[in-house]
Amino acid sequence: VNLFREFRRLTTAMPDGVIVLNGQREIQWFNRNAVRLLGLRRKMDFGQRIDNLLRHPDFRRYLEAGDFAAPVVLRAPAAPDTY
C-alpha cells in the first residue's frame, strides 16, 4: 500500500499521462494527466483494454512489438495540441 501511494504521488507530479496495465492490457490505474490527455473516464475505463480505447496505429504497433524500453509519442486525442 505504501509503495502504491508513493507511486501515485510521483506520477501526479509528472506532466505525462501514466496508465498501469495488467498482462491482458486492461487498465488497472491511471493518473489525472491520462484523463486530461487521453479523455479516460475513471469509472468507465478501469478494466477496459487499452487498445480498445486508444486505437492509433503507432500505439497498436508499439503494443504488439512488446518493446517498452522507449516511449511511443502520439498526439493526445483529448488535447490535440499536445504530444
PDB file of N, CA and C in Angstrom:
ATOM      1  N   VAL A   1       0.840  -1.192   0.000  1.00  0.00           N
ATOM      2  CA  VAL A   1       0.000   0.000   0.000  1.00  0.00           C
ATOM      3  C   VAL A   1       0.879   1.248   0.000  1.00  0.00           C
ATOM      4  N   ASN A   2       1.926   1.241   0.812  1.00  0.00           N
ATOM      5  CA  ASN A   2       2.807   2.412   0.857  1.00  0.00           C
ATOM      6  C   ASN A   2       3.527   2.628  -0.472  1.00  0.00           C
ATOM      7  N   LEU A   3       3.938   1.531  -1.099  1.00  0.00           N
ATOM      8  CA  LEU A   3       4.596   1.640  -2.400  1.00  0.00           C
ATOM      9  C   LEU A   3       3.641   2.230  -3.434  1.00  0.00           C
ATOM     10  N   PHE A   4       2.396   1.790  -3.422  1.00  0.00           N
ATOM     11  CA  PHE A   4       1.416   2.329  -4.362  1.00  0.00           C
ATOM     12  C   PHE A   4       1.159   3.807  -4.088  1.00  0.00           C
ATOM     13  N   ARG A   5       1.085   4.199  -2.840  1.00  0.00           N
ATOM     14  CA  ARG A   5       0.887   5.619  -2.502  1.00  0.00           C
ATOM     15  C   ARG A   5       2.051   6.463  -3.005  1.00  0.00           C
ATOM     16  N   GLU A   6       3.256   5.957  -2.842  1.00  0.00           N
ATOM     17  CA  GLU A   6       4.434   6.678  -3.328  1.00  0.00           C
ATOM     18  C   GLU A   6       4.407   6.770  -4.858  1.00  0.00           C
ATOM     19  N   PHE A   7       4.041   5.693  -5.523  1.00  0.00           N
ATOM     20  CA  PHE A   7       3.914   5.680  -6.975  1.00  0.00           C
ATOM     21  C   PHE A   7       2.906   6.727  -7.427  1.00  0.00           C
ATOM     22  N   ARG A   8       1.758   6.775  -6.790  1.00  0.00           N
ATOM     23  CA  ARG A   8       0.721   7.771  -7.122  1.00  0.00           C
ATOM     24  C   ARG A   8       1.238   9.182  -6.921  1.00  0.00           C
ATOM     25  N   ARG A   9       1.940   9.416  -5.819  1.00  0.00           N
ATOM     26  CA  ARG A   9       2.471  10.745  -5.528  1.00  0.00           C
ATOM     27  C   ARG A   9       3.464  11.168  -6.614  1.00  0.00           C
ATOM     28  N   LEU A  10       4.338  10.258  -7.011  1.00  0.00           N
ATOM     29  CA  LEU A  10       5.343  10.575  -8.018  1.00  0.00           C
ATOM     30  C   LEU A  10       4.715  10.812  -9.399  1.00  0.00           C
ATOM     31  N   THR A  11       3.752  10.007  -9.780  1.00  0.00           N
ATOM     32  CA  THR A  11       3.151  10.164 -11.109  1.00  0.00           C
ATOM     33  C   THR A  11       2.238  11.382 -11.183  1.00  0.00           C
ATOM     34  N   THR A  12       1.718  11.832 -10.064  1.00  0.00           N
ATOM     35  CA  THR A  12       0.894  13.037 -10.053  1.00  0.00           C
ATOM     36  C   THR A  12       1.729  14.252 -10.431  1.00  0.00           C
ATOM     37  N   ALA A  13       2.993  14.252 -10.050  1.00  0.00           N
ATOM     38  CA  ALA A  13       3.873  15.377 -10.347  1.00  0.00           C
ATOM     39  C   ALA A  13       4.367  15.390 -11.787  1.00  0.00           C
ATOM     40  N   MET A  14       4.203  14.301 -12.495  1.00  0.00           N
ATOM     41  CA  MET A  14       4.679  14.201 -13.882  1.00  0.00           C
ATOM     42  C   MET A  14       3.720  14.902 -14.836  1.00  0.00           C
ATOM     43  N   PRO A  15       4.259  15.521 -15.908  1.00  0.00           N
ATOM     44  CA  PRO A  15       3.377  16.131 -16.911  1.00  0.00           C
ATOM     45  C   PRO A  15       2.756  15.094 -17.853  1.00  0.00           C
ATOM     46  N   ASP A  16       3.268  13.859 -17.802  1.00  0.00           N
ATOM     47  CA  ASP A  16       2.803  12.805 -18.698  1.00  0.00           C
ATOM     48  C   ASP A  16       1.591  12.084 -18.139  1.00  0.00           C
ATOM     49  N   GLY A  17       0.828  11.500 -19.046  1.00  0.00           N
ATOM     50  CA  GLY A  17      -0.234  10.598 -18.634  1.00  0.00           C
ATOM     51  C   GLY A  17       0.390   9.247 -18.327  1.00  0.00           C
ATOM     52  N   VAL A  18       0.017   8.661 -17.201  1.00  0.00           N
ATOM     53  CA  VAL A  18       0.540   7.356 -16.793  1.00  0.00           C
ATOM     54  C   VAL A  18      -0.626   6.392 -16.682  1.00  0.00           C
ATOM     55  N   ILE A  19      -0.480   5.225 -17.314  1.00  0.00           N
ATOM     56  CA  ILE A  19      -1.504   4.189 -17.259  1.00  0.00           C
ATOM     57  C   ILE A  19      -0.831   2.894 -16.857  1.00  0.00           C
ATOM     58  N   VAL A  20      -1.411   2.197 -15.887  1.00  0.00           N
ATOM     59  CA  VAL A  20      -0.913   0.890 -15.454  1.00  0.00           C
ATOM     60  C   VAL A  20      -1.839  -0.162 -16.037  1.00  0.00           C
ATOM     61  N   LEU A  21      -1.235  -1.126 -16.749  1.00  0.00           N
ATOM     62  CA  LEU A  21      -1.992  -2.210 -17.376  1.00  0.00           C
ATOM     63  C   LEU A  21      -1.647  -3.535 -16.735  1.00  0.00           C
ATOM     64  N   ASN A  22      -2.562  -4.479 -16.804  1.00  0.00           N
ATOM     65  CA  ASN A  22      -2.235  -5.844 -16.386  1.00  0.00           C
ATOM     66  C   ASN A  22      -1.734  -6.619 -17.601  1.00  0.00           C
ATOM     67  N   GLY A  23      -1.479  -7.893 -17.450  1.00  0.00           N
ATOM     68  CA  GLY A  23      -0.949  -8.719 -18.527  1.00  0.00           C
ATOM     69  C   GLY A  23      -1.869  -8.866 -19.715  1.00  0.00           C
ATOM     70  N   GLN A  24      -3.152  -8.587 -19.547  1.00  0.00           N
ATOM     71  CA  GLN A  24      -4.112  -8.667 -20.650  1.00  0.00           C
ATOM     72  C   GLN A  24      -4.378  -7.289 -21.264  1.00  0.00           C
ATOM     73  N   ARG A  25      -3.525  -6.323 -20.928  1.00  0.00           N
ATOM     74  CA  ARG A  25      -3.626  -4.939 -21.418  1.00  0.00           C
ATOM     75  C   ARG A  25      -4.874  -4.224 -20.923  1.00  0.00           C
ATOM     76  N   GLU A  26      -5.387  -4.637 -19.791  1.00  0.00           N
ATOM     77  CA  GLU A  26      -6.549  -3.984 -19.185  1.00  0.00           C
ATOM     78  C   GLU A  26      -6.063  -2.902 -18.229  1.00  0.00           C
ATOM     79  N   ILE A  27      -6.761  -1.788 -18.214  1.00  0.00           N
ATOM     80  CA  ILE A  27      -6.381  -0.649 -17.380  1.00  0.00           C
ATOM     81  C   ILE A  27      -6.640  -0.971 -15.910  1.00  0.00           C
ATOM     82  N   GLN A  28      -5.595  -0.853 -15.116  1.00  0.00           N
ATOM     83  CA  GLN A  28      -5.690  -1.061 -13.672  1.00  0.00           C
ATOM     84  C   GLN A  28      -5.707   0.258 -12.907  1.00  0.00           C
ATOM     85  N   TRP A  29      -5.037   1.270 -13.479  1.00  0.00           N
ATOM     86  CA  TRP A  29      -4.936   2.575 -12.815  1.00  0.00           C
ATOM     87  C   TRP A  29      -4.448   3.590 -13.831  1.00  0.00           C
ATOM     88  N   PHE A  30      -4.809   4.861 -13.664  1.00  0.00           N
ATOM     89  CA  PHE A  30      -4.234   5.949 -14.460  1.00  0.00           C
ATOM     90  C   PHE A  30      -4.263   7.233 -13.662  1.00  0.00           C
ATOM     91  N   ASN A  31      -3.349   8.155 -14.035  1.00  0.00           N
ATOM     92  CA  ASN A  31      -3.267   9.424 -13.310  1.00  0.00           C
ATOM     93  C   ASN A  31      -4.161  10.477 -13.965  1.00  0.00           C
ATOM     94  N   ARG A  32      -4.219  11.643 -13.330  1.00  0.00           N
ATOM     95  CA  ARG A  32      -5.091  12.723 -13.817  1.00  0.00           C
ATOM     96  C   ARG A  32      -4.681  13.219 -15.199  1.00  0.00           C
ATOM     97  N   ASN A  33      -3.385  13.209 -15.476  1.00  0.00           N
ATOM     98  CA  ASN A  33      -2.953  13.667 -16.796  1.00  0.00           C
ATOM     99  C   ASN A  33      -3.390  12.707 -17.898  1.00  0.00           C
ATOM    100  N   ALA A  34      -3.532  11.442 -17.601  1.00  0.00           N
ATOM    101  CA  ALA A  34      -4.076  10.500 -18.579  1.00  0.00           C
ATOM    102  C   ALA A  34      -5.536  10.846 -18.871  1.00  0.00           C
ATOM    103  N   VAL A  35      -6.251  11.298 -17.862  1.00  0.00           N
ATOM    104  CA  VAL A  35      -7.633  11.752 -18.051  1.00  0.00           C
ATOM    105  C   VAL A  35      -7.639  12.955 -18.982  1.00  0.00           C
ATOM    106  N   ARG A  36      -6.782  13.922 -18.683  1.00  0.00           N
ATOM    107  CA  ARG A  36      -6.735  15.172 -19.453  1.00  0.00           C
ATOM    108  C   ARG A  36      -6.267  14.938 -20.883  1.00  0.00           C
ATOM    109  N   LEU A  37      -5.235  14.136 -21.068  1.00  0.00           N
ATOM    110  CA  LEU A  37      -4.643  13.953 -22.390  1.00  0.00           C
ATOM    111  C   LEU A  37      -5.383  12.944 -23.258  1.00  0.00           C
ATOM    112  N   LEU A  38      -5.880  11.883 -22.632  1.00  0.00           N
ATOM    113  CA  LEU A  38      -6.479  10.793 -23.408  1.00  0.00           C
ATOM    114  C   LEU A  38      -7.991  10.729 -23.302  1.00  0.00           C
ATOM    115  N   GLY A  39      -8.556  11.536 -22.407  1.00  0.00           N
ATOM    116  CA  GLY A  39     -10.005  11.522 -22.261  1.00  0.00           C
ATOM    117  C   GLY A  39     -10.525  10.293 -21.534  1.00  0.00           C
ATOM    118  N   LEU A  40      -9.658   9.651 -20.740  1.00  0.00           N
ATOM    119  CA  LEU A  40     -10.101   8.473 -19.987  1.00  0.00           C
ATOM    120  C   LEU A  40     -11.117   8.883 -18.927  1.00  0.00           C
ATOM    121  N   ARG A  41     -12.001   7.962 -18.602  1.00  0.00           N
ATOM    122  CA  ARG A  41     -13.038   8.209 -17.593  1.00  0.00           C
ATOM    123  C   ARG A  41     -12.856   7.208 -16.465  1.00  0.00           C
ATOM    124  N   ARG A  42     -12.717   7.710 -15.271  1.00  0.00           N
ATOM    125  CA  ARG A  42     -12.390   6.883 -14.102  1.00  0.00           C
ATOM    126  C   ARG A  42     -13.312   5.682 -13.934  1.00  0.00           C
ATOM    127  N   LYS A  43     -14.576   5.886 -13.833  1.00  0.00           N
ATOM    128  CA  LYS A  43     -15.488   4.776 -13.514  1.00  0.00           C
ATOM    129  C   LYS A  43     -15.756   3.867 -14.701  1.00  0.00           C
ATOM    130  N   MET A  44     -15.609   4.369 -15.907  1.00  0.00           N
ATOM    131  CA  MET A  44     -15.964   3.581 -17.081  1.00  0.00           C
ATOM    132  C   MET A  44     -14.784   2.830 -17.696  1.00  0.00           C
ATOM    133  N   ASP A  45     -13.572   3.374 -17.558  1.00  0.00           N
ATOM    134  CA  ASP A  45     -12.449   2.817 -18.306  1.00  0.00           C
ATOM    135  C   ASP A  45     -11.569   1.848 -17.517  1.00  0.00           C
ATOM    136  N   PHE A  46     -11.714   1.786 -16.201  1.00  0.00           N
ATOM    137  CA  PHE A  46     -10.979   0.776 -15.439  1.00  0.00           C
ATOM    138  C   PHE A  46     -11.417  -0.608 -15.913  1.00  0.00           C
ATOM    139  N   GLY A  47     -10.450  -1.467 -16.167  1.00  0.00           N
ATOM    140  CA  GLY A  47     -10.751  -2.818 -16.624  1.00  0.00           C
ATOM    141  C   GLY A  47     -10.882  -2.951 -18.131  1.00  0.00           C
ATOM    142  N   GLN A  48     -10.962  -1.831 -18.837  1.00  0.00           N
ATOM    143  CA  GLN A  48     -11.053  -1.869 -20.300  1.00  0.00           C
ATOM    144  C   GLN A  48      -9.670  -2.130 -20.893  1.00  0.00           C
ATOM    145  N   ARG A  49      -9.630  -2.795 -22.030  1.00  0.00           N
ATOM    146  CA  ARG A  49      -8.358  -2.982 -22.735  1.00  0.00           C
ATOM    147  C   ARG A  49      -7.940  -1.654 -23.350  1.00  0.00           C
ATOM    148  N   ILE A  50      -6.677  -1.288 -23.132  1.00  0.00           N
ATOM    149  CA  ILE A  50      -6.183  -0.010 -23.631  1.00  0.00           C
ATOM    150  C   ILE A  50      -6.279   0.079 -25.149  1.00  0.00           C
ATOM    151  N   ASP A  51      -6.079  -1.047 -25.845  1.00  0.00           N
ATOM    152  CA  ASP A  51      -6.133  -0.996 -27.307  1.00  0.00           C
ATOM    153  C   ASP A  51      -7.561  -0.877 -27.835  1.00  0.00           C
ATOM    154  N   ASN A  52      -8.557  -1.028 -26.989  1.00  0.00           N
ATOM    155  CA  ASN A  52      -9.941  -0.741 -27.378  1.00  0.00           C
ATOM    156  C   ASN A  52     -10.253   0.746 -27.245  1.00  0.00           C
ATOM    157  N   LEU A  53      -9.475   1.444 -26.423  1.00  0.00           N
ATOM    158  CA  LEU A  53      -9.717   2.864 -26.184  1.00  0.00           C
ATOM    159  C   LEU A  53      -8.774   3.764 -26.968  1.00  0.00           C
ATOM    160  N   LEU A  54      -7.555   3.315 -27.137  1.00  0.00           N
ATOM    161  CA  LEU A  54      -6.537   4.092 -27.850  1.00  0.00           C
ATOM    162  C   LEU A  54      -6.164   3.319 -29.106  1.00  0.00           C
ATOM    163  N   ARG A  55      -6.709   3.747 -30.239  1.00  0.00           N
ATOM    164  CA  ARG A  55      -6.622   2.947 -31.469  1.00  0.00           C
ATOM    165  C   ARG A  55      -5.636   3.476 -32.500  1.00  0.00           C
ATOM    166  N   HIS A  56      -4.781   4.359 -32.103  1.00  0.00           N
ATOM    167  CA  HIS A  56      -3.796   4.920 -33.033  1.00  0.00           C
ATOM    168  C   HIS A  56      -2.896   3.799 -33.561  1.00  0.00           C
ATOM    169  N   PRO A  57      -2.663   3.723 -34.877  1.00  0.00           N
ATOM    170  CA  PRO A  57      -1.852   2.637 -35.444  1.00  0.00           C
ATOM    171  C   PRO A  57      -0.449   2.537 -34.849  1.00  0.00           C
ATOM    172  N   ASP A  58       0.182   3.681 -34.557  1.00  0.00           N
ATOM    173  CA  ASP A  58       1.521   3.645 -33.945  1.00  0.00           C
ATOM    174  C   ASP A  58       1.471   3.018 -32.554  1.00  0.00           C
ATOM    175  N   PHE A  59       0.409   3.295 -31.824  1.00  0.00           N
ATOM    176  CA  PHE A  59       0.274   2.719 -30.485  1.00  0.00           C
ATOM    177  C   PHE A  59       0.036   1.215 -30.571  1.00  0.00           C
ATOM    178  N   ARG A  60      -0.779   0.802 -31.505  1.00  0.00           N
ATOM    179  CA  ARG A  60      -1.029  -0.637 -31.695  1.00  0.00           C
ATOM    180  C   ARG A  60       0.266  -1.379 -32.037  1.00  0.00           C
ATOM    181  N   ARG A  61       1.070  -0.794 -32.933  1.00  0.00           N
ATOM    182  CA  ARG A  61       2.357  -1.415 -33.276  1.00  0.00           C
ATOM    183  C   ARG A  61       3.276  -1.473 -32.065  1.00  0.00           C
ATOM    184  N   TYR A  62       3.278  -0.429 -31.267  1.00  0.00           N
ATOM    185  CA  TYR A  62       4.082  -0.365 -30.043  1.00  0.00           C
ATOM    186  C   TYR A  62       3.693  -1.496 -29.094  1.00  0.00           C
ATOM    187  N   LEU A  63       2.394  -1.675 -28.882  1.00  0.00           N
ATOM    188  CA  LEU A  63       1.921  -2.757 -28.010  1.00  0.00           C
ATOM    189  C   LEU A  63       2.297  -4.127 -28.570  1.00  0.00           C
ATOM    190  N   GLU A  64       2.074  -4.311 -29.847  1.00  0.00           N
ATOM    191  CA  GLU A  64       2.347  -5.615 -30.465  1.00  0.00           C
ATOM    192  C   GLU A  64       3.831  -5.960 -30.457  1.00  0.00           C
ATOM    193  N   ALA A  65       4.697  -4.950 -30.596  1.00  0.00           N
ATOM    194  CA  ALA A  65       6.142  -5.192 -30.579  1.00  0.00           C
ATOM    195  C   ALA A  65       6.611  -5.639 -29.197  1.00  0.00           C
ATOM    196  N   GLY A  66       5.959  -5.116 -28.153  1.00  0.00           N
ATOM    197  CA  GLY A  66       6.301  -5.520 -26.791  1.00  0.00           C
ATOM    198  C   GLY A  66       7.624  -4.991 -26.284  1.00  0.00           C
ATOM    199  N   ASP A  67       8.239  -4.045 -26.983  1.00  0.00           N
ATOM    200  CA  ASP A  67       9.498  -3.441 -26.545  1.00  0.00           C
ATOM    201  C   ASP A  67       9.174  -2.071 -25.955  1.00  0.00           C
ATOM    202  N   PHE A  68       9.102  -2.012 -24.637  1.00  0.00           N
ATOM    203  CA  PHE A  68       8.660  -0.797 -23.974  1.00  0.00           C
ATOM    204  C   PHE A  68       9.822   0.001 -23.381  1.00  0.00           C
ATOM    205  N   ALA A  69      11.046  -0.259 -23.871  1.00  0.00           N
ATOM    206  CA  ALA A  69      12.223   0.463 -23.381  1.00  0.00           C
ATOM    207  C   ALA A  69      12.159   1.935 -23.772  1.00  0.00           C
ATOM    208  N   ALA A  70      11.588   2.232 -24.926  1.00  0.00           N
ATOM    209  CA  ALA A  70      11.433   3.609 -25.382  1.00  0.00           C
ATOM    210  C   ALA A  70       9.951   3.935 -25.449  1.00  0.00           C
ATOM    211  N   PRO A  71       9.589   5.187 -25.211  1.00  0.00           N
ATOM    212  CA  PRO A  71       8.166   5.550 -25.256  1.00  0.00           C
ATOM    213  C   PRO A  71       7.671   5.669 -26.688  1.00  0.00           C
ATOM    214  N   VAL A  72       6.377   5.617 -26.836  1.00  0.00           N
ATOM    215  CA  VAL A  72       5.740   5.965 -28.100  1.00  0.00           C
ATOM    216  C   VAL A  72       5.147   7.352 -27.891  1.00  0.00           C
ATOM    217  N   VAL A  73       5.323   8.240 -28.848  1.00  0.00           N
ATOM    218  CA  VAL A  73       4.844   9.617 -28.729  1.00  0.00           C
ATOM    219  C   VAL A  73       3.724   9.809 -29.741  1.00  0.00           C
ATOM    220  N   LEU A  74       2.567  10.223 -29.239  1.00  0.00           N
ATOM    221  CA  LEU A  74       1.384  10.410 -30.072  1.00  0.00           C
ATOM    222  C   LEU A  74       0.753  11.754 -29.768  1.00  0.00           C
ATOM    223  N   ARG A  75      -0.031  12.242 -30.694  1.00  0.00           N
ATOM    224  CA  ARG A  75      -0.831  13.447 -30.419  1.00  0.00           C
ATOM    225  C   ARG A  75      -1.942  13.028 -29.461  1.00  0.00           C
ATOM    226  N   ALA A  76      -2.154  13.806 -28.427  1.00  0.00           N
ATOM    227  CA  ALA A  76      -3.145  13.479 -27.403  1.00  0.00           C
ATOM    228  C   ALA A  76      -4.552  13.644 -27.955  1.00  0.00           C
ATOM    229  N   PRO A  77      -5.362  12.574 -27.973  1.00  0.00           N
ATOM    230  CA  PRO A  77      -6.709  12.663 -28.541  1.00  0.00           C
ATOM    231  C   PRO A  77      -7.602  13.696 -27.869  1.00  0.00           C
ATOM    232  N   ALA A  78      -7.481  13.872 -26.566  1.00  0.00           N
ATOM    233  CA  ALA A  78      -8.347  14.798 -25.853  1.00  0.00           C
ATOM    234  C   ALA A  78      -7.749  16.212 -25.786  1.00  0.00           C
ATOM    235  N   ALA A  79      -6.486  16.342 -26.180  1.00  0.00           N
ATOM    236  CA  ALA A  79      -5.807  17.647 -26.198  1.00  0.00           C
ATOM    237  C   ALA A  79      -4.952  17.697 -27.461  1.00  0.00           C
ATOM    238  N   PRO A  80      -5.562  17.916 -28.644  1.00  0.00           N
ATOM    239  CA  PRO A  80      -4.859  17.742 -29.915  1.00  0.00           C
ATOM    240  C   PRO A  80      -3.604  18.595 -30.115  1.00  0.00           C
ATOM    241  N   ASP A  81      -3.442  19.654 -29.364  1.00  0.00           N
ATOM    242  CA  ASP A  81      -2.233  20.466 -29.493  1.00  0.00           C
ATOM    243  C   ASP A  81      -1.112  19.971 -28.601  1.00  0.00           C
ATOM    244  N   THR A  82      -1.327  18.834 -27.955  1.00  0.00           N
ATOM    245  CA  THR A  82      -0.359  18.274 -27.019  1.00  0.00           C
ATOM    246  C   THR A  82       0.129  16.935 -27.532  1.00  0.00           C
ATOM    247  N   TYR A  83       1.433  16.648 -27.296  1.00  0.00           N
ATOM    248  CA  TYR A  83       2.010  15.358 -27.655  1.00  0.00           C
ATOM    249  C   TYR A  83       2.349  14.601 -26.394  1.00  0.00           C
TER     250      TYR A  83
END
